[in-house]
Amino acid sequence: SQKVDKLDKLSLPKNITQLQAFLELASYYRRFIKEFSKKARPLLKLLKKDKDFKWG
């Protein structure tokens, strides 16, 4: 599938926009990922306005 191919080719997000795009794509597969919301929570916290985006 094209979406799976996109996941394989993703690089680490370098900014908020890229992180949002990753989370949107990952959310498409949330029904297949056990405890998706728990795993995505740290990434979602990076999207808050009062947080500085810092990966790694």
C-alpha atoms as a PDB file:
ATOM      1  CA  SER A   1       0.000   0.000   0.000  1.00  0.00           C
ATOM      2  CA  GLN A   2       1.156   3.557  -0.632  1.00  0.00           C
ATOM      3  CA  LYS A   3       0.660   4.571   2.997  1.00  0.00           C
ATOM      4  CA  VAL A   4       2.876   1.734   4.246  1.00  0.00           C
ATOM      5  CA  ASP A   5       5.527   2.739   1.711  1.00  0.00           C
ATOM      6  CA  LYS A   6       5.357   6.299   3.056  1.00  0.00           C
ATOM      7  CA  LEU A   7       5.959   5.035   6.592  1.00  0.00           C
ATOM      8  CA  ASP A   8       9.036   3.108   5.463  1.00  0.00           C
ATOM      9  CA  LYS A   9      10.526   6.203   3.824  1.00  0.00           C
ATOM     10  CA  LEU A  10       9.835   8.689   6.627  1.00  0.00           C
ATOM     11  CA  SER A  11      12.674  10.541   8.233  1.00  0.00           C
ATOM     12  CA  LEU A  12      12.539  12.028  11.718  1.00  0.00           C
ATOM     13  CA  PRO A  13      10.335  15.121  11.908  1.00  0.00           C
ATOM     14  CA  LYS A  14      12.364  18.323  11.909  1.00  0.00           C
ATOM     15  CA  ASN A  15       9.520  20.705  12.732  1.00  0.00           C
ATOM     16  CA  ILE A  16       5.934  20.882  13.952  1.00  0.00           C
ATOM     17  CA  THR A  17       4.459  20.580  10.461  1.00  0.00           C
ATOM     18  CA  GLN A  18       6.330  17.342   9.787  1.00  0.00           C
ATOM     19  CA  LEU A  19       5.302  15.986  13.194  1.00  0.00           C
ATOM     20  CA  GLN A  20       1.657  16.791  12.471  1.00  0.00           C
ATOM     21  CA  ALA A  21       1.902  15.011   9.120  1.00  0.00           C
ATOM     22  CA  PHE A  22       3.431  11.953  10.782  1.00  0.00           C
ATOM     23  CA  LEU A  23       0.718  11.823  13.446  1.00  0.00           C
ATOM     24  CA  GLU A  24      -2.001  12.124  10.810  1.00  0.00           C
ATOM     25  CA  LEU A  25      -0.507   9.241   8.869  1.00  0.00           C
ATOM     26  CA  ALA A  26       0.016   7.135  11.995  1.00  0.00           C
ATOM     27  CA  SER A  27      -3.555   7.829  13.115  1.00  0.00           C
ATOM     28  CA  TYR A  28      -4.782   6.112   9.975  1.00  0.00           C
ATOM     29  CA  TYR A  29      -3.351   2.870  11.428  1.00  0.00           C
ATOM     30  CA  ARG A  30      -4.417   3.465  15.049  1.00  0.00           C
ATOM     31  CA  ARG A  31      -6.793   0.492  15.027  1.00  0.00           C
ATOM     32  CA  PHE A  32      -3.823  -1.805  14.382  1.00  0.00           C
ATOM     33  CA  ILE A  33      -1.528  -0.243  17.001  1.00  0.00           C
ATOM     34  CA  LYS A  34      -2.167  -1.412  20.540  1.00  0.00           C
ATOM     35  CA  GLU A  35      -2.549   1.533  22.934  1.00  0.00           C
ATOM     36  CA  PHE A  36      -1.981   4.043  20.147  1.00  0.00           C
ATOM     37  CA  SER A  37      -3.128   7.040  22.179  1.00  0.00           C
ATOM     38  CA  LYS A  38      -0.746   6.146  24.999  1.00  0.00           C
ATOM     39  CA  LYS A  39       2.158   5.827  22.555  1.00  0.00           C
ATOM     40  CA  ALA A  40       1.280   9.017  20.669  1.00  0.00           C
ATOM     41  CA  ARG A  41       0.802  11.155  23.810  1.00  0.00           C
ATOM     42  CA  PRO A  42       4.480  12.289  24.090  1.00  0.00           C
ATOM     43  CA  LEU A  43       4.407  13.368  20.437  1.00  0.00           C
ATOM     44  CA  LEU A  44       1.117  15.190  20.870  1.00  0.00           C
ATOM     45  CA  LYS A  45       2.595  17.108  23.808  1.00  0.00           C
ATOM     46  CA  LEU A  46       5.217  18.524  21.427  1.00  0.00           C
ATOM     47  CA  LEU A  47       2.407  20.197  19.471  1.00  0.00           C
ATOM     48  CA  LYS A  48       1.301  22.376  22.378  1.00  0.00           C
ATOM     49  CA  LYS A  49       1.938  26.075  21.898  1.00  0.00           C
ATOM     50  CA  ASP A  50       3.765  26.458  25.199  1.00  0.00           C
ATOM     51  CA  LYS A  51       6.311  23.758  24.274  1.00  0.00           C
ATOM     52  CA  ASP A  52       9.442  24.179  22.190  1.00  0.00           C
ATOM     53  CA  PHE A  53       9.802  21.530  19.517  1.00  0.00           C
ATOM     54  CA  LYS A  54      12.877  19.477  20.293  1.00  0.00           C
ATOM     55  CA  TRP A  55      13.351  15.996  18.856  1.00  0.00           C
ATOM     56  CA  GLY A  56      15.693  13.583  20.596  1.00  0.00           C
END
